[in-house]
Amino acid sequence: MADSNIIQQLQHDIEELQARLAYQEDTLQQLDHTIADQDKTIRSLVAQLARWEARLDEISDTVGSNDLSASEPPPHY
């Protein structure tokens, strides 16, 4: 009888460990998907930021050259 109780206890422990493992595998899979989504979002935002920086540089160059010509007197003076 003692052997029977030990075997039942071991079977119960194995089933509990299997359930925990399945839960952990599911959690890891969800985290992996979340990280992949975040990586995709971050890459998109970095690319968008680079485009905005390039556009800002273009605007700054245009405004900067206009400021210089506006401060100089016209050629007929």
PDB file of N, CA and C in Angstrom:
ATOM      1  N   MET A   1       0.804  -1.203   0.000  1.00  0.00           N
ATOM      2  CA  MET A   1       0.000   0.000   0.000  1.00  0.00           C
ATOM      3  C   MET A   1       0.849   1.271   0.000  1.00  0.00           C
ATOM      4  N   ALA A   2       1.929   1.223   0.730  1.00  0.00           N
ATOM      5  CA  ALA A   2       2.791   2.396   0.793  1.00  0.00           C
ATOM      6  C   ALA A   2       3.369   2.700  -0.584  1.00  0.00           C
ATOM      7  N   ASP A   3       3.718   1.637  -1.318  1.00  0.00           N
ATOM      8  CA  ASP A   3       4.236   1.820  -2.669  1.00  0.00           C
ATOM      9  C   ASP A   3       3.175   2.425  -3.575  1.00  0.00           C
ATOM     10  N   SER A   4       1.949   2.035  -3.395  1.00  0.00           N
ATOM     11  CA  SER A   4       0.838   2.543  -4.198  1.00  0.00           C
ATOM     12  C   SER A   4       0.637   4.037  -3.950  1.00  0.00           C
ATOM     13  N   ASN A   5       0.729   4.449  -2.705  1.00  0.00           N
ATOM     14  CA  ASN A   5       0.595   5.872  -2.366  1.00  0.00           C
ATOM     15  C   ASN A   5       1.752   6.691  -2.948  1.00  0.00           C
ATOM     16  N   ILE A   6       2.945   6.127  -2.894  1.00  0.00           N
ATOM     17  CA  ILE A   6       4.111   6.827  -3.437  1.00  0.00           C
ATOM     18  C   ILE A   6       3.954   6.998  -4.942  1.00  0.00           C
ATOM     19  N   ILE A   7       3.516   5.948  -5.623  1.00  0.00           N
ATOM     20  CA  ILE A   7       3.329   6.011  -7.073  1.00  0.00           C
ATOM     21  C   ILE A   7       2.249   7.030  -7.423  1.00  0.00           C
ATOM     22  N   GLN A   8       1.174   7.036  -6.677  1.00  0.00           N
ATOM     23  CA  GLN A   8       0.106   8.016  -6.930  1.00  0.00           C
ATOM     24  C   GLN A   8       0.609   9.444  -6.706  1.00  0.00           C
ATOM     25  N   GLN A   9       1.372   9.630  -5.664  1.00  0.00           N
ATOM     26  CA  GLN A   9       1.927  10.952  -5.372  1.00  0.00           C
ATOM     27  C   GLN A   9       2.878  11.388  -6.485  1.00  0.00           C
ATOM     28  N   LEU A  10       3.716  10.471  -6.951  1.00  0.00           N
ATOM     29  CA  LEU A  10       4.642  10.790  -8.037  1.00  0.00           C
ATOM     30  C   LEU A  10       3.878  11.130  -9.323  1.00  0.00           C
ATOM     31  N   GLN A  11       2.824  10.383  -9.616  1.00  0.00           N
ATOM     32  CA  GLN A  11       2.015  10.665 -10.792  1.00  0.00           C
ATOM     33  C   GLN A  11       1.363  12.042 -10.685  1.00  0.00           C
ATOM     34  N   HIS A  12       0.881  12.351  -9.502  1.00  0.00           N
ATOM     35  CA  HIS A  12       0.279  13.670  -9.271  1.00  0.00           C
ATOM     36  C   HIS A  12       1.325  14.778  -9.463  1.00  0.00           C
ATOM     37  N   ASP A  13       2.507  14.560  -8.903  1.00  0.00           N
ATOM     38  CA  ASP A  13       3.578  15.556  -9.048  1.00  0.00           C
ATOM     39  C   ASP A  13       3.976  15.737 -10.514  1.00  0.00           C
ATOM     40  N   ILE A  14       4.071  14.650 -11.263  1.00  0.00           N
ATOM     41  CA  ILE A  14       4.420  14.725 -12.685  1.00  0.00           C
ATOM     42  C   ILE A  14       3.351  15.488 -13.453  1.00  0.00           C
ATOM     43  N   GLU A  15       2.083  15.218 -13.183  1.00  0.00           N
ATOM     44  CA  GLU A  15       0.986  15.928 -13.859  1.00  0.00           C
ATOM     45  C   GLU A  15       1.020  17.418 -13.537  1.00  0.00           C
ATOM     46  N   GLU A  16       1.320  17.746 -12.287  1.00  0.00           N
ATOM     47  CA  GLU A  16       1.413  19.155 -11.892  1.00  0.00           C
ATOM     48  C   GLU A  16       2.578  19.841 -12.607  1.00  0.00           C
ATOM     49  N   LEU A  17       3.710  19.161 -12.701  1.00  0.00           N
ATOM     50  CA  LEU A  17       4.857  19.721 -13.410  1.00  0.00           C
ATOM     51  C   LEU A  17       4.556  19.895 -14.903  1.00  0.00           C
ATOM     52  N   GLN A  18       3.841  18.950 -15.492  1.00  0.00           N
ATOM     53  CA  GLN A  18       3.478  19.060 -16.901  1.00  0.00           C
ATOM     54  C   GLN A  18       2.548  20.249 -17.131  1.00  0.00           C
ATOM     55  N   ALA A  19       1.620  20.457 -16.213  1.00  0.00           N
ATOM     56  CA  ALA A  19       0.708  21.599 -16.333  1.00  0.00           C
ATOM     57  C   ALA A  19       1.481  22.912 -16.206  1.00  0.00           C
ATOM     58  N   ARG A  20       2.403  22.976 -15.270  1.00  0.00           N
ATOM     59  CA  ARG A  20       3.223  24.185 -15.104  1.00  0.00           C
ATOM     60  C   ARG A  20       4.068  24.447 -16.349  1.00  0.00           C
ATOM     61  N   LEU A  21       4.643  23.382 -16.898  1.00  0.00           N
ATOM     62  CA  LEU A  21       5.467  23.518 -18.094  1.00  0.00           C
ATOM     63  C   LEU A  21       4.636  24.038 -19.267  1.00  0.00           C
ATOM     64  N   ALA A  22       3.437  23.502 -19.426  1.00  0.00           N
ATOM     65  CA  ALA A  22       2.563  23.962 -20.516  1.00  0.00           C
ATOM     66  C   ALA A  22       2.218  25.437 -20.333  1.00  0.00           C
ATOM     67  N   TYR A  23       1.932  25.847 -19.118  1.00  0.00           N
ATOM     68  CA  TYR A  23       1.617  27.247 -18.835  1.00  0.00           C
ATOM     69  C   TYR A  23       2.825  28.133 -19.139  1.00  0.00           C
ATOM     70  N   GLN A  24       4.014  27.702 -18.730  1.00  0.00           N
ATOM     71  CA  GLN A  24       5.218  28.491 -18.978  1.00  0.00           C
ATOM     72  C   GLN A  24       5.525  28.580 -20.475  1.00  0.00           C
ATOM     73  N   GLU A  25       5.327  27.496 -21.207  1.00  0.00           N
ATOM     74  CA  GLU A  25       5.559  27.521 -22.655  1.00  0.00           C
ATOM     75  C   GLU A  25       4.596  28.488 -23.327  1.00  0.00           C
ATOM     76  N   ASP A  26       3.343  28.504 -22.892  1.00  0.00           N
ATOM     77  CA  ASP A  26       2.358  29.434 -23.450  1.00  0.00           C
ATOM     78  C   ASP A  26       2.744  30.879 -23.138  1.00  0.00           C
ATOM     79  N   THR A  27       3.166  31.123 -21.915  1.00  0.00           N
ATOM     80  CA  THR A  27       3.585  32.464 -21.515  1.00  0.00           C
ATOM     81  C   THR A  27       4.796  32.921 -22.327  1.00  0.00           C
ATOM     82  N   LEU A  28       5.766  32.038 -22.517  1.00  0.00           N
ATOM     83  CA  LEU A  28       6.948  32.387 -23.315  1.00  0.00           C
ATOM     84  C   LEU A  28       6.573  32.678 -24.763  1.00  0.00           C
ATOM     85  N   GLN A  29       5.637  31.924 -25.304  1.00  0.00           N
ATOM     86  CA  GLN A  29       5.203  32.163 -26.677  1.00  0.00           C
ATOM     87  C   GLN A  29       4.507  33.525 -26.803  1.00  0.00           C
ATOM     88  N   GLN A  30       3.679  33.867 -25.826  1.00  0.00           N
ATOM     89  CA  GLN A  30       3.024  35.176 -25.823  1.00  0.00           C
ATOM     90  C   GLN A  30       4.052  36.297 -25.714  1.00  0.00           C
ATOM     91  N   LEU A  31       5.037  36.128 -24.849  1.00  0.00           N
ATOM     92  CA  LEU A  31       6.086  37.134 -24.697  1.00  0.00           C
ATOM     93  C   LEU A  31       6.896  37.275 -25.981  1.00  0.00           C
ATOM     94  N   ASP A  32       7.173  36.168 -26.646  1.00  0.00           N
ATOM     95  CA  ASP A  32       7.908  36.207 -27.903  1.00  0.00           C
ATOM     96  C   ASP A  32       7.138  36.997 -28.958  1.00  0.00           C
ATOM     97  N   HIS A  33       5.830  36.773 -29.050  1.00  0.00           N
ATOM     98  CA  HIS A  33       5.016  37.532 -29.995  1.00  0.00           C
ATOM     99  C   HIS A  33       4.992  39.010 -29.640  1.00  0.00           C
ATOM    100  N   THR A  34       4.890  39.313 -28.360  1.00  0.00           N
ATOM    101  CA  THR A  34       4.878  40.707 -27.917  1.00  0.00           C
ATOM    102  C   THR A  34       6.186  41.408 -28.270  1.00  0.00           C
ATOM    103  N   ILE A  35       7.294  40.729 -28.029  1.00  0.00           N
ATOM    104  CA  ILE A  35       8.600  41.314 -28.338  1.00  0.00           C
ATOM    105  C   ILE A  35       8.749  41.510 -29.842  1.00  0.00           C
ATOM    106  N   ALA A  36       8.286  40.557 -30.633  1.00  0.00           N
ATOM    107  CA  ALA A  36       8.369  40.695 -32.093  1.00  0.00           C
ATOM    108  C   ALA A  36       7.539  41.885 -32.566  1.00  0.00           C
ATOM    109  N   ASP A  37       6.341  42.043 -32.010  1.00  0.00           N
ATOM    110  CA  ASP A  37       5.499  43.195 -32.366  1.00  0.00           C
ATOM    111  C   ASP A  37       6.155  44.505 -31.967  1.00  0.00           C
ATOM    112  N   GLN A  38       6.737  44.546 -30.775  1.00  0.00           N
ATOM    113  CA  GLN A  38       7.403  45.757 -30.314  1.00  0.00           C
ATOM    114  C   GLN A  38       8.614  46.074 -31.189  1.00  0.00           C
ATOM    115  N   ASP A  39       9.353  45.063 -31.601  1.00  0.00           N
ATOM    116  CA  ASP A  39      10.508  45.276 -32.465  1.00  0.00           C
ATOM    117  C   ASP A  39      10.064  45.866 -33.797  1.00  0.00           C
ATOM    118  N   LYS A  40       8.970  45.347 -34.344  1.00  0.00           N
ATOM    119  CA  LYS A  40       8.447  45.867 -35.609  1.00  0.00           C
ATOM    120  C   LYS A  40       8.032  47.326 -35.445  1.00  0.00           C
ATOM    121  N   THR A  41       7.382  47.646 -34.334  1.00  0.00           N
ATOM    122  CA  THR A  41       6.951  49.019 -34.073  1.00  0.00           C
ATOM    123  C   THR A  41       8.153  49.943 -33.905  1.00  0.00           C
ATOM    124  N   ILE A  42       9.147  49.506 -33.180  1.00  0.00           N
ATOM    125  CA  ILE A  42      10.335  50.325 -32.949  1.00  0.00           C
ATOM    126  C   ILE A  42      11.061  50.587 -34.268  1.00  0.00           C
ATOM    127  N   ARG A  43      11.199  49.565 -35.104  1.00  0.00           N
ATOM    128  CA  ARG A  43      11.862  49.756 -36.399  1.00  0.00           C
ATOM    129  C   ARG A  43      11.101  50.761 -37.260  1.00  0.00           C
ATOM    130  N   SER A  44       9.790  50.672 -37.226  1.00  0.00           N
ATOM    131  CA  SER A  44       8.965  51.607 -37.995  1.00  0.00           C
ATOM    132  C   SER A  44       9.137  53.031 -37.472  1.00  0.00           C
ATOM    133  N   LEU A  45       9.143  53.192 -36.157  1.00  0.00           N
ATOM    134  CA  LEU A  45       9.301  54.514 -35.562  1.00  0.00           C
ATOM    135  C   LEU A  45      10.684  55.095 -35.845  1.00  0.00           C
ATOM    136  N   VAL A  46      11.717  54.258 -35.819  1.00  0.00           N
ATOM    137  CA  VAL A  46      13.071  54.727 -36.112  1.00  0.00           C
ATOM    138  C   VAL A  46      13.149  55.206 -37.558  1.00  0.00           C
ATOM    139  N   ALA A  47      12.542  54.457 -38.467  1.00  0.00           N
ATOM    140  CA  ALA A  47      12.542  54.868 -39.878  1.00  0.00           C
ATOM    141  C   ALA A  47      11.771  56.174 -40.056  1.00  0.00           C
ATOM    142  N   GLN A  48      10.650  56.286 -39.373  1.00  0.00           N
ATOM    143  CA  GLN A  48       9.849  57.514 -39.461  1.00  0.00           C
ATOM    144  C   GLN A  48      10.627  58.697 -38.886  1.00  0.00           C
ATOM    145  N   LEU A  49      11.320  58.483 -37.795  1.00  0.00           N
ATOM    146  CA  LEU A  49      12.128  59.548 -37.194  1.00  0.00           C
ATOM    147  C   LEU A  49      13.233  59.991 -38.152  1.00  0.00           C
ATOM    148  N   ALA A  50      13.849  59.045 -38.818  1.00  0.00           N
ATOM    149  CA  ALA A  50      14.900  59.392 -39.775  1.00  0.00           C
ATOM    150  C   ALA A  50      14.330  60.237 -40.915  1.00  0.00           C
ATOM    151  N   ARG A  51      13.134  59.887 -41.390  1.00  0.00           N
ATOM    152  CA  ARG A  51      12.512  60.690 -42.444  1.00  0.00           C
ATOM    153  C   ARG A  51      12.201  62.091 -41.948  1.00  0.00           C
ATOM    154  N   TRP A  52      11.701  62.213 -40.730  1.00  0.00           N
ATOM    155  CA  TRP A  52      11.387  63.538 -40.170  1.00  0.00           C
ATOM    156  C   TRP A  52      12.651  64.360 -39.977  1.00  0.00           C
ATOM    157  N   GLU A  53      13.733  63.716 -39.542  1.00  0.00           N
ATOM    158  CA  GLU A  53      14.999  64.432 -39.375  1.00  0.00           C
ATOM    159  C   GLU A  53      15.505  64.951 -40.715  1.00  0.00           C
ATOM    160  N   ALA A  54      15.411  64.107 -41.751  1.00  0.00           N
ATOM    161  CA  ALA A  54      15.848  64.538 -43.085  1.00  0.00           C
ATOM    162  C   ALA A  54      14.990  65.703 -43.565  1.00  0.00           C
ATOM    163  N   ARG A  55      13.698  65.623 -43.339  1.00  0.00           N
ATOM    164  CA  ARG A  55      12.795  66.702 -43.755  1.00  0.00           C
ATOM    165  C   ARG A  55      13.102  67.984 -42.983  1.00  0.00           C
ATOM    166  N   LEU A  56      13.363  67.858 -41.697  1.00  0.00           N
ATOM    167  CA  LEU A  56      13.700  69.022 -40.884  1.00  0.00           C
ATOM    168  C   LEU A  56      14.997  69.665 -41.369  1.00  0.00           C
ATOM    169  N   ASP A  57      15.979  68.834 -41.744  1.00  0.00           N
ATOM    170  CA  ASP A  57      17.224  69.376 -42.290  1.00  0.00           C
ATOM    171  C   ASP A  57      16.966  70.147 -43.583  1.00  0.00           C
ATOM    172  N   GLU A  58      16.112  69.595 -44.435  1.00  0.00           N
ATOM    173  CA  GLU A  58      15.772  70.283 -45.683  1.00  0.00           C
ATOM    174  C   GLU A  58      15.119  71.630 -45.394  1.00  0.00           C
ATOM    175  N   ILE A  59      14.183  71.643 -44.469  1.00  0.00           N
ATOM    176  CA  ILE A  59      13.486  72.887 -44.121  1.00  0.00           C
ATOM    177  C   ILE A  59      14.460  73.878 -43.492  1.00  0.00           C
ATOM    178  N   SER A  60      15.333  73.393 -42.623  1.00  0.00           N
ATOM    179  CA  SER A  60      16.319  74.275 -41.976  1.00  0.00           C
ATOM    180  C   SER A  60      17.238  74.885 -43.007  1.00  0.00           C
ATOM    181  N   ASP A  61      17.667  74.095 -43.982  1.00  0.00           N
ATOM    182  CA  ASP A  61      18.537  74.621 -45.038  1.00  0.00           C
ATOM    183  C   ASP A  61      17.810  75.687 -45.846  1.00  0.00           C
ATOM    184  N   THR A  62      16.566  75.437 -46.162  1.00  0.00           N
ATOM    185  CA  THR A  62      15.786  76.393 -46.946  1.00  0.00           C
ATOM    186  C   THR A  62      15.562  77.680 -46.166  1.00  0.00           C
ATOM    187  N   VAL A  63      15.159  77.546 -44.922  1.00  0.00           N
ATOM    188  CA  VAL A  63      14.919  78.723 -44.086  1.00  0.00           C
ATOM    189  C   VAL A  63      16.228  79.458 -43.831  1.00  0.00           C
ATOM    190  N   GLY A  64      17.303  78.752 -43.606  1.00  0.00           N
ATOM    191  CA  GLY A  64      18.603  79.375 -43.358  1.00  0.00           C
ATOM    192  C   GLY A  64      19.084  80.167 -44.553  1.00  0.00           C
ATOM    193  N   SER A  65      18.923  79.641 -45.752  1.00  0.00           N
ATOM    194  CA  SER A  65      19.368  80.383 -46.934  1.00  0.00           C
ATOM    195  C   SER A  65      18.458  81.570 -47.196  1.00  0.00           C
ATOM    196  N   ASN A  66      17.179  81.460 -46.868  1.00  0.00           N
ATOM    197  CA  ASN A  66      16.271  82.596 -47.023  1.00  0.00           C
ATOM    198  C   ASN A  66      16.585  83.702 -46.028  1.00  0.00           C
ATOM    199  N   ASP A  67      16.990  83.346 -44.840  1.00  0.00           N
ATOM    200  CA  ASP A  67      17.338  84.350 -43.824  1.00  0.00           C
ATOM    201  C   ASP A  67      18.548  85.161 -44.254  1.00  0.00           C
ATOM    202  N   LEU A  68      19.528  84.513 -44.856  1.00  0.00           N
ATOM    203  CA  LEU A  68      20.727  85.227 -45.294  1.00  0.00           C
ATOM    204  C   LEU A  68      20.396  86.209 -46.413  1.00  0.00           C
ATOM    205  N   SER A  69      19.601  85.784 -47.353  1.00  0.00           N
ATOM    206  CA  SER A  69      19.275  86.678 -48.463  1.00  0.00           C
ATOM    207  C   SER A  69      18.362  87.815 -48.016  1.00  0.00           C
ATOM    208  N   ALA A  70      17.555  87.579 -47.009  1.00  0.00           N
ATOM    209  CA  ALA A  70      16.667  88.636 -46.514  1.00  0.00           C
ATOM    210  C   ALA A  70      17.443  89.692 -45.746  1.00  0.00           C
ATOM    211  N   SER A  71      18.570  89.330 -45.118  1.00  0.00           N
ATOM    212  CA  SER A  71      19.330  90.302 -44.340  1.00  0.00           C
ATOM    213  C   SER A  71      20.271  91.135 -45.215  1.00  0.00           C
ATOM    214  N   GLU A  72      20.580  90.638 -46.415  1.00  0.00           N
ATOM    215  CA  GLU A  72      21.459  91.376 -47.320  1.00  0.00           C
ATOM    216  C   GLU A  72      20.658  92.432 -48.078  1.00  0.00           C
ATOM    217  N   PRO A  73      21.244  93.565 -48.328  1.00  0.00           N
ATOM    218  CA  PRO A  73      20.506  94.580 -49.076  1.00  0.00           C
ATOM    219  C   PRO A  73      20.357  94.158 -50.546  1.00  0.00           C
ATOM    220  N   PRO A  74      19.292  94.564 -51.185  1.00  0.00           N
ATOM    221  CA  PRO A  74      19.104  94.234 -52.591  1.00  0.00           C
ATOM    222  C   PRO A  74      20.248  94.782 -53.435  1.00  0.00           C
ATOM    223  N   PRO A  75      20.519  94.215 -54.603  1.00  0.00           N
ATOM    224  CA  PRO A  75      21.667  94.623 -55.399  1.00  0.00           C
ATOM    225  C   PRO A  75      21.562  96.064 -55.921  1.00  0.00           C
ATOM    226  N   HIS A  76      20.387  96.677 -56.032  1.00  0.00           N
ATOM    227  CA  HIS A  76      20.282  98.043 -56.564  1.00  0.00           C
ATOM    228  C   HIS A  76      20.619  99.115 -55.552  1.00  0.00           C
ATOM    229  N   TYR A  77      20.966  98.753 -54.307  1.00  0.00           N
ATOM    230  CA  TYR A  77      21.349  99.774 -53.316  1.00  0.00           C
ATOM    231  C   TYR A  77      22.799 100.070 -53.345  1.00  0.00           C
TER     232      TYR A  77
END
